[in-house]
Amino acid sequence: MLKIIDRIIDIMNFTNFVFIAIVIIFFIACLSIILFTLKLGISPMPTPKKARQEIIRLLPKDHNGTIFELGSGWGTLVFPISKHYPKCKVLGFEASPVPWIISILLQKVFFRFSNLCIFRRDFFDTSLKEASLIVCYLYPGAMQRLKEKFQTELKPGTLIVPYTFSVPEWKPFKVYEMDDFYCSRLYLYIKD
């Protein structure tokens, strides 16, 4: 009987340890998201399903080249893009560690797209010269900073598709208003 009681106590101790470890990991993950939200100026927001579908629908069917998703977050947009363009090299850039880890795990376990690389890197510190198509769901301050980067680094003919926030002072060749609660917009630009 004492052996059974000892075994139950061991199981309870292990269960308590696992529970405490999960709580600590969860707390660290939440703290990381908060700190990187403050640092980057925006929290990692998944691209809504309807927006993902519309972005994929509006992208050219026969595109070839290198596709960048700036701020790839949890991977909700970079995975459908990789699937849609299996012959293109697709690069996702995410600075916040928790969404980056989640997207890496999803890529390794579920999606396994051979054309996709997801980097934990600030895209402001990354050259955009290789991009032939850029997709992003950011915020006005980032779009303002990217405008200068786009002007100096992008090749003429590069397609830029921001969701919700436009490139300031640039004239899109097409604006698509979505039929959602926020009347969100997709902007389509071609670098001249």
N, C-alpha and C. Protein backbone atom coordinates (compact mmCIF):
# COMPACT_ATOMS: atom_id res chain seq x y z
N MET A 1 0.83 -1.20 0.00
CA MET A 1 0.00 0.00 0.00
C MET A 1 0.87 1.26 0.00
N LEU A 2 1.98 1.25 0.73
CA LEU A 2 2.88 2.40 0.76
C LEU A 2 3.49 2.67 -0.61
N LYS A 3 3.76 1.59 -1.35
CA LYS A 3 4.32 1.76 -2.69
C LYS A 3 3.31 2.48 -3.59
N ILE A 4 2.05 2.13 -3.45
CA ILE A 4 1.01 2.78 -4.26
C ILE A 4 0.91 4.26 -3.90
N ILE A 5 0.92 4.55 -2.62
CA ILE A 5 0.85 5.95 -2.16
C ILE A 5 2.07 6.72 -2.65
N ASP A 6 3.26 6.12 -2.55
CA ASP A 6 4.48 6.77 -3.05
C ASP A 6 4.37 7.06 -4.56
N ARG A 7 3.83 6.09 -5.28
CA ARG A 7 3.66 6.24 -6.73
C ARG A 7 2.69 7.39 -7.05
N ILE A 8 1.59 7.46 -6.31
CA ILE A 8 0.61 8.54 -6.50
C ILE A 8 1.25 9.89 -6.21
N ILE A 9 2.03 9.96 -5.15
CA ILE A 9 2.72 11.21 -4.80
C ILE A 9 3.71 11.59 -5.90
N ASP A 10 4.43 10.60 -6.43
CA ASP A 10 5.37 10.87 -7.53
C ASP A 10 4.63 11.41 -8.76
N ILE A 11 3.50 10.81 -9.08
CA ILE A 11 2.71 11.26 -10.23
C ILE A 11 2.20 12.67 -9.99
N MET A 12 1.71 12.93 -8.78
CA MET A 12 1.21 14.27 -8.46
C MET A 12 2.34 15.29 -8.52
N ASN A 13 3.52 14.94 -8.02
CA ASN A 13 4.65 15.86 -8.09
C ASN A 13 5.03 16.14 -9.54
N PHE A 14 5.05 15.09 -10.37
CA PHE A 14 5.38 15.27 -11.78
C PHE A 14 4.31 16.12 -12.46
N THR A 15 3.04 15.85 -12.17
CA THR A 15 1.94 16.62 -12.75
C THR A 15 2.05 18.08 -12.33
N ASN A 16 2.33 18.32 -11.07
CA ASN A 16 2.51 19.70 -10.59
C ASN A 16 3.68 20.38 -11.31
N PHE A 17 4.77 19.64 -11.48
CA PHE A 17 5.93 20.18 -12.17
C PHE A 17 5.57 20.56 -13.61
N VAL A 18 4.88 19.66 -14.30
CA VAL A 18 4.49 19.92 -15.68
C VAL A 18 3.56 21.13 -15.74
N PHE A 19 2.59 21.18 -14.85
CA PHE A 19 1.67 22.32 -14.82
C PHE A 19 2.42 23.62 -14.59
N ILE A 20 3.31 23.64 -13.62
CA ILE A 20 4.08 24.85 -13.32
C ILE A 20 4.96 25.23 -14.52
N ALA A 21 5.56 24.24 -15.16
CA ALA A 21 6.39 24.52 -16.33
C ALA A 21 5.55 25.14 -17.46
N ILE A 22 4.37 24.61 -17.69
CA ILE A 22 3.48 25.14 -18.73
C ILE A 22 3.08 26.58 -18.40
N VAL A 23 2.75 26.84 -17.14
CA VAL A 23 2.38 28.20 -16.73
C VAL A 23 3.55 29.16 -16.94
N ILE A 24 4.75 28.74 -16.59
CA ILE A 24 5.93 29.59 -16.77
C ILE A 24 6.19 29.87 -18.25
N ILE A 25 6.11 28.83 -19.08
CA ILE A 25 6.31 29.01 -20.52
C ILE A 25 5.25 29.94 -21.09
N PHE A 26 4.01 29.76 -20.69
CA PHE A 26 2.92 30.63 -21.15
C PHE A 26 3.17 32.08 -20.73
N PHE A 27 3.60 32.29 -19.47
CA PHE A 27 3.89 33.63 -18.96
C PHE A 27 5.02 34.27 -19.76
N ILE A 28 6.08 33.52 -20.01
CA ILE A 28 7.22 34.05 -20.78
C ILE A 28 6.78 34.39 -22.20
N ALA A 29 5.96 33.53 -22.81
CA ALA A 29 5.48 33.79 -24.17
C ALA A 29 4.64 35.07 -24.20
N CYS A 30 3.74 35.22 -23.25
CA CYS A 30 2.90 36.43 -23.19
C CYS A 30 3.76 37.68 -22.97
N LEU A 31 4.73 37.58 -22.06
CA LEU A 31 5.62 38.70 -21.79
C LEU A 31 6.42 39.07 -23.05
N SER A 32 6.89 38.05 -23.76
CA SER A 32 7.63 38.29 -25.00
C SER A 32 6.76 39.01 -26.02
N ILE A 33 5.53 38.56 -26.19
CA ILE A 33 4.62 39.20 -27.15
C ILE A 33 4.39 40.66 -26.76
N ILE A 34 4.18 40.92 -25.47
CA ILE A 34 3.96 42.30 -25.00
C ILE A 34 5.19 43.16 -25.26
N LEU A 35 6.38 42.66 -24.91
CA LEU A 35 7.60 43.44 -25.09
C LEU A 35 7.87 43.72 -26.57
N PHE A 36 7.67 42.72 -27.42
CA PHE A 36 7.89 42.94 -28.85
C PHE A 36 6.80 43.81 -29.47
N THR A 37 5.60 43.78 -28.92
CA THR A 37 4.55 44.68 -29.38
C THR A 37 4.96 46.12 -29.09
N LEU A 38 5.49 46.36 -27.90
CA LEU A 38 5.95 47.71 -27.55
C LEU A 38 7.15 48.11 -28.41
N LYS A 39 8.07 47.19 -28.64
CA LYS A 39 9.27 47.49 -29.43
C LYS A 39 8.93 47.76 -30.89
N LEU A 40 8.07 46.92 -31.48
CA LEU A 40 7.77 47.01 -32.91
C LEU A 40 6.64 47.98 -33.23
N GLY A 41 5.82 48.30 -32.24
CA GLY A 41 4.71 49.23 -32.46
C GLY A 41 3.42 48.57 -32.89
N ILE A 42 3.40 47.23 -32.95
CA ILE A 42 2.19 46.51 -33.34
C ILE A 42 2.27 45.09 -32.81
N SER A 43 1.12 44.54 -32.45
CA SER A 43 1.08 43.15 -32.00
C SER A 43 0.97 42.24 -33.23
N PRO A 44 1.41 40.99 -33.10
CA PRO A 44 1.28 40.08 -34.24
C PRO A 44 -0.18 39.70 -34.46
N MET A 45 -0.74 40.19 -35.57
CA MET A 45 -2.16 39.97 -35.87
C MET A 45 -2.29 38.99 -37.03
N PRO A 46 -3.04 37.92 -36.87
CA PRO A 46 -3.25 37.02 -38.00
C PRO A 46 -4.09 37.70 -39.08
N THR A 47 -3.75 37.43 -40.31
CA THR A 47 -4.54 37.96 -41.42
C THR A 47 -5.86 37.21 -41.46
N PRO A 48 -6.99 37.93 -41.44
CA PRO A 48 -8.30 37.25 -41.46
C PRO A 48 -8.46 36.36 -42.69
N LYS A 49 -9.25 35.32 -42.54
CA LYS A 49 -9.44 34.33 -43.61
C LYS A 49 -9.94 34.98 -44.90
N LYS A 50 -10.92 35.86 -44.78
CA LYS A 50 -11.47 36.50 -45.97
C LYS A 50 -10.41 37.33 -46.69
N ALA A 51 -9.58 38.01 -45.93
CA ALA A 51 -8.50 38.80 -46.52
C ALA A 51 -7.48 37.90 -47.21
N ARG A 52 -7.13 36.78 -46.57
CA ARG A 52 -6.20 35.83 -47.19
C ARG A 52 -6.75 35.35 -48.54
N GLN A 53 -8.02 35.00 -48.55
CA GLN A 53 -8.63 34.50 -49.78
C GLN A 53 -8.62 35.56 -50.88
N GLU A 54 -8.92 36.81 -50.51
CA GLU A 54 -8.95 37.89 -51.49
C GLU A 54 -7.55 38.23 -51.98
N ILE A 55 -6.58 38.22 -51.10
CA ILE A 55 -5.20 38.49 -51.51
C ILE A 55 -4.76 37.45 -52.53
N ILE A 56 -4.99 36.19 -52.21
CA ILE A 56 -4.61 35.12 -53.13
C ILE A 56 -5.36 35.26 -54.46
N ARG A 57 -6.64 35.62 -54.40
CA ARG A 57 -7.45 35.77 -55.62
C ARG A 57 -6.93 36.91 -56.49
N LEU A 58 -6.48 38.01 -55.86
CA LEU A 58 -6.04 39.18 -56.61
C LEU A 58 -4.60 39.08 -57.11
N LEU A 59 -3.80 38.20 -56.55
CA LEU A 59 -2.42 38.08 -56.99
C LEU A 59 -2.38 37.47 -58.39
N PRO A 60 -1.37 37.86 -59.18
CA PRO A 60 -1.28 37.29 -60.53
C PRO A 60 -1.10 35.77 -60.48
N LYS A 61 -1.77 35.08 -61.38
CA LYS A 61 -1.74 33.60 -61.38
C LYS A 61 -0.38 33.06 -61.82
N ASP A 62 0.27 33.77 -62.74
CA ASP A 62 1.48 33.25 -63.36
C ASP A 62 2.76 33.94 -62.85
N HIS A 63 2.74 34.42 -61.65
CA HIS A 63 3.91 35.13 -61.10
C HIS A 63 5.08 34.18 -60.94
N ASN A 64 6.27 34.68 -61.26
CA ASN A 64 7.48 33.94 -60.91
C ASN A 64 8.48 34.94 -60.36
N GLY A 65 9.30 34.49 -59.47
CA GLY A 65 10.24 35.37 -58.80
C GLY A 65 10.22 35.09 -57.31
N THR A 66 10.73 36.03 -56.53
CA THR A 66 10.81 35.86 -55.08
C THR A 66 9.75 36.71 -54.40
N ILE A 67 9.00 36.07 -53.52
CA ILE A 67 7.89 36.73 -52.82
C ILE A 67 8.30 36.93 -51.37
N PHE A 68 8.12 38.15 -50.88
CA PHE A 68 8.40 38.48 -49.49
C PHE A 68 7.08 38.75 -48.77
N GLU A 69 6.92 38.17 -47.57
CA GLU A 69 5.87 38.65 -46.69
C GLU A 69 6.55 39.34 -45.53
N LEU A 70 6.28 40.62 -45.39
CA LEU A 70 6.91 41.42 -44.35
C LEU A 70 6.02 41.41 -43.11
N GLY A 71 6.54 40.88 -42.02
CA GLY A 71 5.75 40.71 -40.81
C GLY A 71 4.88 39.49 -40.92
N SER A 72 5.49 38.33 -41.13
CA SER A 72 4.73 37.10 -41.42
C SER A 72 4.03 36.52 -40.20
N GLY A 73 4.31 37.03 -39.01
CA GLY A 73 3.58 36.65 -37.80
C GLY A 73 3.43 35.16 -37.59
N TRP A 74 2.21 34.72 -37.44
CA TRP A 74 1.87 33.33 -37.13
C TRP A 74 1.86 32.44 -38.38
N GLY A 75 2.09 33.04 -39.55
CA GLY A 75 2.13 32.26 -40.79
C GLY A 75 0.81 32.16 -41.53
N THR A 76 -0.20 32.88 -41.08
CA THR A 76 -1.53 32.71 -41.66
C THR A 76 -1.63 33.16 -43.11
N LEU A 77 -0.71 34.02 -43.56
CA LEU A 77 -0.72 34.44 -44.95
C LEU A 77 0.42 33.81 -45.75
N VAL A 78 1.56 33.63 -45.12
CA VAL A 78 2.72 33.11 -45.85
C VAL A 78 2.50 31.66 -46.28
N PHE A 79 1.76 30.87 -45.52
CA PHE A 79 1.48 29.49 -45.92
C PHE A 79 0.58 29.41 -47.15
N PRO A 80 -0.55 30.16 -47.20
CA PRO A 80 -1.36 30.13 -48.43
C PRO A 80 -0.61 30.67 -49.65
N ILE A 81 0.25 31.67 -49.45
CA ILE A 81 1.03 32.19 -50.58
C ILE A 81 1.99 31.12 -51.09
N SER A 82 2.65 30.41 -50.18
CA SER A 82 3.58 29.34 -50.57
C SER A 82 2.85 28.23 -51.33
N LYS A 83 1.65 27.92 -50.88
CA LYS A 83 0.86 26.89 -51.56
C LYS A 83 0.43 27.37 -52.95
N HIS A 84 0.04 28.64 -53.05
CA HIS A 84 -0.44 29.21 -54.29
C HIS A 84 0.68 29.32 -55.34
N TYR A 85 1.90 29.55 -54.88
CA TYR A 85 3.05 29.72 -55.78
C TYR A 85 4.13 28.67 -55.48
N PRO A 86 3.88 27.41 -55.77
CA PRO A 86 4.84 26.37 -55.42
C PRO A 86 6.19 26.48 -56.15
N LYS A 87 6.22 27.20 -57.27
CA LYS A 87 7.48 27.33 -58.03
C LYS A 87 8.24 28.60 -57.66
N CYS A 88 7.66 29.43 -56.80
CA CYS A 88 8.32 30.67 -56.38
C CYS A 88 9.01 30.46 -55.04
N LYS A 89 10.07 31.20 -54.85
CA LYS A 89 10.73 31.25 -53.55
C LYS A 89 9.94 32.24 -52.69
N VAL A 90 9.50 31.79 -51.51
CA VAL A 90 8.70 32.63 -50.62
C VAL A 90 9.47 32.82 -49.32
N LEU A 91 9.65 34.09 -48.93
CA LEU A 91 10.39 34.43 -47.72
C LEU A 91 9.49 35.20 -46.77
N GLY A 92 9.35 34.70 -45.54
CA GLY A 92 8.59 35.40 -44.51
C GLY A 92 9.57 35.99 -43.51
N PHE A 93 9.27 37.19 -43.03
CA PHE A 93 10.12 37.87 -42.06
C PHE A 93 9.29 38.26 -40.85
N GLU A 94 9.71 37.80 -39.67
CA GLU A 94 9.01 38.11 -38.42
C GLU A 94 10.05 38.36 -37.34
N ALA A 95 9.94 39.50 -36.66
CA ALA A 95 10.89 39.87 -35.61
C ALA A 95 10.49 39.33 -34.24
N SER A 96 9.20 39.16 -33.99
CA SER A 96 8.73 38.72 -32.69
C SER A 96 8.94 37.21 -32.53
N PRO A 97 9.63 36.76 -31.46
CA PRO A 97 10.01 35.35 -31.37
C PRO A 97 8.86 34.35 -31.23
N VAL A 98 7.82 34.67 -30.50
CA VAL A 98 6.74 33.68 -30.28
C VAL A 98 6.00 33.35 -31.57
N PRO A 99 5.49 34.34 -32.33
CA PRO A 99 4.83 33.97 -33.58
C PRO A 99 5.79 33.31 -34.56
N TRP A 100 7.06 33.74 -34.55
CA TRP A 100 8.05 33.11 -35.43
C TRP A 100 8.21 31.63 -35.09
N ILE A 101 8.33 31.31 -33.79
CA ILE A 101 8.48 29.91 -33.37
C ILE A 101 7.24 29.10 -33.79
N ILE A 102 6.06 29.67 -33.57
CA ILE A 102 4.83 28.96 -33.94
C ILE A 102 4.81 28.70 -35.45
N SER A 103 5.16 29.71 -36.24
CA SER A 103 5.13 29.51 -37.70
C SER A 103 6.19 28.51 -38.15
N ILE A 104 7.35 28.51 -37.51
CA ILE A 104 8.39 27.52 -37.83
C ILE A 104 7.89 26.12 -37.50
N LEU A 105 7.27 25.95 -36.33
CA LEU A 105 6.73 24.64 -35.95
C LEU A 105 5.64 24.19 -36.92
N LEU A 106 4.76 25.08 -37.30
CA LEU A 106 3.71 24.74 -38.26
C LEU A 106 4.32 24.32 -39.60
N GLN A 107 5.36 25.04 -40.03
CA GLN A 107 6.03 24.71 -41.29
C GLN A 107 6.68 23.33 -41.22
N LYS A 108 7.35 23.04 -40.11
CA LYS A 108 8.06 21.76 -39.99
C LYS A 108 7.13 20.57 -39.78
N VAL A 109 6.02 20.78 -39.07
CA VAL A 109 5.14 19.67 -38.72
C VAL A 109 4.01 19.47 -39.73
N PHE A 110 3.37 20.56 -40.17
CA PHE A 110 2.17 20.42 -40.99
C PHE A 110 2.35 20.78 -42.46
N PHE A 111 2.97 21.90 -42.75
CA PHE A 111 2.94 22.41 -44.12
C PHE A 111 4.11 21.91 -44.97
N ARG A 112 5.29 22.02 -44.50
CA ARG A 112 6.50 21.51 -45.18
C ARG A 112 6.62 21.97 -46.62
N PHE A 113 6.38 23.25 -46.86
CA PHE A 113 6.56 23.80 -48.20
C PHE A 113 8.05 23.96 -48.47
N SER A 114 8.52 23.32 -49.52
CA SER A 114 9.96 23.38 -49.83
C SER A 114 10.37 24.74 -50.38
N ASN A 115 9.41 25.54 -50.81
CA ASN A 115 9.70 26.85 -51.38
C ASN A 115 9.67 27.98 -50.33
N LEU A 116 9.46 27.64 -49.06
CA LEU A 116 9.26 28.65 -48.02
C LEU A 116 10.39 28.67 -47.00
N CYS A 117 10.87 29.87 -46.69
CA CYS A 117 11.80 30.10 -45.59
C CYS A 117 11.23 31.22 -44.73
N ILE A 118 11.18 30.99 -43.43
CA ILE A 118 10.68 32.01 -42.50
C ILE A 118 11.85 32.41 -41.60
N PHE A 119 12.16 33.70 -41.63
CA PHE A 119 13.30 34.21 -40.88
C PHE A 119 12.84 35.02 -39.68
N ARG A 120 13.56 34.88 -38.58
CA ARG A 120 13.34 35.76 -37.43
C ARG A 120 14.27 36.95 -37.62
N ARG A 121 13.72 37.95 -38.26
CA ARG A 121 14.54 39.09 -38.64
C ARG A 121 13.64 40.30 -38.83
N ASP A 122 14.15 41.47 -38.49
CA ASP A 122 13.46 42.72 -38.75
C ASP A 122 13.62 43.04 -40.23
N PHE A 123 12.52 43.15 -40.94
CA PHE A 123 12.61 43.36 -42.38
C PHE A 123 13.19 44.73 -42.73
N PHE A 124 13.23 45.66 -41.78
CA PHE A 124 13.88 46.94 -42.04
C PHE A 124 15.40 46.77 -42.16
N ASP A 125 15.92 45.69 -41.60
CA ASP A 125 17.34 45.39 -41.69
C ASP A 125 17.65 44.39 -42.80
N THR A 126 16.69 44.13 -43.66
CA THR A 126 16.82 43.15 -44.73
C THR A 126 16.71 43.84 -46.08
N SER A 127 17.56 43.46 -47.00
CA SER A 127 17.48 44.00 -48.36
C SER A 127 16.24 43.45 -49.06
N LEU A 128 15.53 44.32 -49.74
CA LEU A 128 14.33 43.92 -50.48
C LEU A 128 14.62 43.80 -51.98
N LYS A 129 15.88 43.91 -52.37
CA LYS A 129 16.25 43.93 -53.80
C LYS A 129 15.84 42.67 -54.53
N GLU A 130 15.79 41.54 -53.84
CA GLU A 130 15.45 40.27 -54.48
C GLU A 130 13.95 40.11 -54.74
N ALA A 131 13.13 40.91 -54.07
CA ALA A 131 11.68 40.73 -54.13
C ALA A 131 11.11 41.11 -55.50
N SER A 132 10.19 40.27 -55.98
CA SER A 132 9.41 40.61 -57.17
C SER A 132 7.95 40.87 -56.79
N LEU A 133 7.58 40.43 -55.57
CA LEU A 133 6.24 40.62 -55.03
C LEU A 133 6.37 40.74 -53.51
N ILE A 134 5.75 41.77 -52.95
CA ILE A 134 5.76 41.99 -51.50
C ILE A 134 4.33 42.06 -51.01
N VAL A 135 4.04 41.29 -49.96
CA VAL A 135 2.73 41.31 -49.31
C VAL A 135 2.97 41.69 -47.86
N CYS A 136 2.10 42.54 -47.31
CA CYS A 136 2.28 42.92 -45.90
C CYS A 136 0.95 43.35 -45.28
N TYR A 137 0.87 43.11 -43.97
CA TYR A 137 -0.25 43.56 -43.15
C TYR A 137 0.39 44.20 -41.93
N LEU A 138 0.60 45.52 -42.02
CA LEU A 138 1.38 46.20 -41.00
C LEU A 138 0.56 47.32 -40.35
N TYR A 139 1.14 48.48 -40.15
CA TYR A 139 0.47 49.61 -39.53
C TYR A 139 1.01 50.88 -40.19
N PRO A 140 0.35 52.03 -40.04
CA PRO A 140 0.75 53.23 -40.78
C PRO A 140 2.22 53.65 -40.59
N GLY A 141 2.74 53.57 -39.39
CA GLY A 141 4.13 53.96 -39.15
C GLY A 141 5.11 53.09 -39.92
N ALA A 142 4.85 51.80 -39.97
CA ALA A 142 5.71 50.88 -40.72
C ALA A 142 5.60 51.16 -42.22
N MET A 143 4.41 51.44 -42.69
CA MET A 143 4.23 51.72 -44.12
C MET A 143 4.96 53.01 -44.51
N GLN A 144 4.98 53.98 -43.61
CA GLN A 144 5.73 55.22 -43.87
C GLN A 144 7.22 54.91 -44.00
N ARG A 145 7.74 54.13 -43.08
CA ARG A 145 9.17 53.75 -43.14
C ARG A 145 9.46 52.89 -44.37
N LEU A 146 8.54 52.00 -44.71
CA LEU A 146 8.75 51.13 -45.86
C LEU A 146 8.73 51.90 -47.18
N LYS A 147 7.98 52.99 -47.23
CA LYS A 147 7.91 53.78 -48.45
C LYS A 147 9.31 54.16 -48.92
N GLU A 148 10.13 54.63 -48.01
CA GLU A 148 11.51 55.01 -48.35
C GLU A 148 12.33 53.79 -48.77
N LYS A 149 12.14 52.69 -48.07
CA LYS A 149 12.85 51.45 -48.39
C LYS A 149 12.41 50.92 -49.76
N PHE A 150 11.13 50.98 -50.03
CA PHE A 150 10.61 50.56 -51.33
C PHE A 150 11.23 51.40 -52.45
N GLN A 151 11.28 52.72 -52.23
CA GLN A 151 11.78 53.62 -53.27
C GLN A 151 13.25 53.35 -53.59
N THR A 152 14.03 53.03 -52.59
CA THR A 152 15.47 52.86 -52.82
C THR A 152 15.88 51.44 -53.18
N GLU A 153 15.12 50.43 -52.74
CA GLU A 153 15.58 49.05 -52.90
C GLU A 153 14.83 48.22 -53.94
N LEU A 154 13.58 48.52 -54.20
CA LEU A 154 12.81 47.65 -55.09
C LEU A 154 13.14 47.89 -56.56
N LYS A 155 13.11 46.81 -57.31
CA LYS A 155 13.30 46.89 -58.76
C LYS A 155 12.01 47.43 -59.38
N PRO A 156 12.13 48.12 -60.51
CA PRO A 156 10.92 48.53 -61.22
C PRO A 156 10.11 47.28 -61.60
N GLY A 157 8.81 47.38 -61.46
CA GLY A 157 7.92 46.26 -61.79
C GLY A 157 7.56 45.40 -60.59
N THR A 158 8.17 45.64 -59.44
CA THR A 158 7.84 44.87 -58.24
C THR A 158 6.40 45.17 -57.82
N LEU A 159 5.64 44.12 -57.58
CA LEU A 159 4.25 44.26 -57.14
C LEU A 159 4.23 44.32 -55.61
N ILE A 160 3.50 45.30 -55.06
CA ILE A 160 3.39 45.49 -53.62
C ILE A 160 1.91 45.43 -53.26
N VAL A 161 1.57 44.55 -52.31
CA VAL A 161 0.17 44.36 -51.92
C VAL A 161 0.05 44.49 -50.40
N PRO A 162 -0.20 45.72 -49.90
CA PRO A 162 -0.47 45.87 -48.47
C PRO A 162 -1.95 45.68 -48.17
N TYR A 163 -2.21 45.08 -47.03
CA TYR A 163 -3.57 44.89 -46.55
C TYR A 163 -3.84 45.94 -45.48
N THR A 164 -4.92 46.64 -45.58
CA THR A 164 -5.45 47.64 -44.65
C THR A 164 -4.78 49.00 -44.75
N PHE A 165 -3.44 49.06 -44.75
CA PHE A 165 -2.76 50.36 -44.74
C PHE A 165 -1.96 50.56 -46.02
N SER A 166 -2.16 51.72 -46.64
CA SER A 166 -1.53 52.02 -47.92
C SER A 166 -0.09 52.50 -47.74
N VAL A 167 0.62 52.58 -48.86
CA VAL A 167 1.94 53.21 -48.88
C VAL A 167 1.68 54.71 -49.01
N PRO A 168 2.07 55.50 -48.00
CA PRO A 168 1.75 56.92 -48.02
C PRO A 168 2.30 57.62 -49.28
N GLU A 169 1.44 58.45 -49.87
CA GLU A 169 1.78 59.29 -51.01
C GLU A 169 2.01 58.51 -52.31
N TRP A 170 1.80 57.21 -52.30
CA TRP A 170 1.90 56.43 -53.53
C TRP A 170 0.49 56.23 -54.06
N LYS A 171 0.36 56.23 -55.37
CA LYS A 171 -0.95 56.02 -55.99
C LYS A 171 -1.06 54.55 -56.41
N PRO A 172 -1.98 53.79 -55.78
CA PRO A 172 -2.15 52.39 -56.18
C PRO A 172 -2.80 52.30 -57.56
N PHE A 173 -2.47 51.24 -58.29
CA PHE A 173 -3.16 51.06 -59.57
C PHE A 173 -4.51 50.41 -59.36
N LYS A 174 -4.71 49.81 -58.17
CA LYS A 174 -6.02 49.25 -57.86
C LYS A 174 -6.20 49.24 -56.34
N VAL A 175 -7.40 49.59 -55.90
CA VAL A 175 -7.79 49.48 -54.49
C VAL A 175 -9.01 48.58 -54.46
N TYR A 176 -8.93 47.56 -53.65
CA TYR A 176 -10.03 46.62 -53.54
C TYR A 176 -10.63 46.75 -52.14
N GLU A 177 -11.88 47.18 -52.06
CA GLU A 177 -12.55 47.29 -50.76
C GLU A 177 -13.24 45.98 -50.44
N MET A 178 -12.91 45.43 -49.30
CA MET A 178 -13.45 44.14 -48.92
C MET A 178 -14.81 44.29 -48.27
N ASP A 179 -15.59 43.27 -48.38
CA ASP A 179 -16.91 43.24 -47.79
C ASP A 179 -16.82 42.61 -46.41
N ASP A 180 -16.15 43.32 -45.50
CA ASP A 180 -16.04 42.83 -44.13
C ASP A 180 -16.51 43.91 -43.16
N PHE A 181 -16.49 43.61 -41.90
CA PHE A 181 -16.99 44.50 -40.86
C PHE A 181 -16.28 45.85 -40.89
N TYR A 182 -14.98 45.85 -41.18
CA TYR A 182 -14.17 47.07 -41.14
C TYR A 182 -14.07 47.76 -42.50
N CYS A 183 -14.65 47.17 -43.55
CA CYS A 183 -14.48 47.67 -44.92
C CYS A 183 -12.99 47.82 -45.23
N SER A 184 -12.23 46.80 -44.91
CA SER A 184 -10.78 46.80 -45.12
C SER A 184 -10.47 46.95 -46.59
N ARG A 185 -9.25 47.36 -46.86
CA ARG A 185 -8.83 47.56 -48.24
C ARG A 185 -7.54 46.81 -48.54
N LEU A 186 -7.45 46.37 -49.77
CA LEU A 186 -6.21 45.84 -50.32
C LEU A 186 -5.74 46.85 -51.35
N TYR A 187 -4.46 47.20 -51.27
CA TYR A 187 -3.89 48.15 -52.21
C TYR A 187 -2.91 47.40 -53.10
N LEU A 188 -2.94 47.70 -54.38
CA LEU A 188 -2.02 47.08 -55.31
C LEU A 188 -1.19 48.18 -55.97
N TYR A 189 0.14 48.04 -55.85
CA TYR A 189 1.08 49.00 -56.40
C TYR A 189 2.07 48.26 -57.28
N ILE A 190 2.59 48.95 -58.27
CA ILE A 190 3.73 48.45 -59.04
C ILE A 190 4.81 49.51 -58.95
N LYS A 191 5.99 49.10 -58.48
CA LYS A 191 7.11 50.05 -58.37
C LYS A 191 7.53 50.47 -59.77
N ASP A 192 7.59 51.80 -59.96
CA ASP A 192 8.01 52.30 -61.28
C ASP A 192 9.50 52.51 -61.37
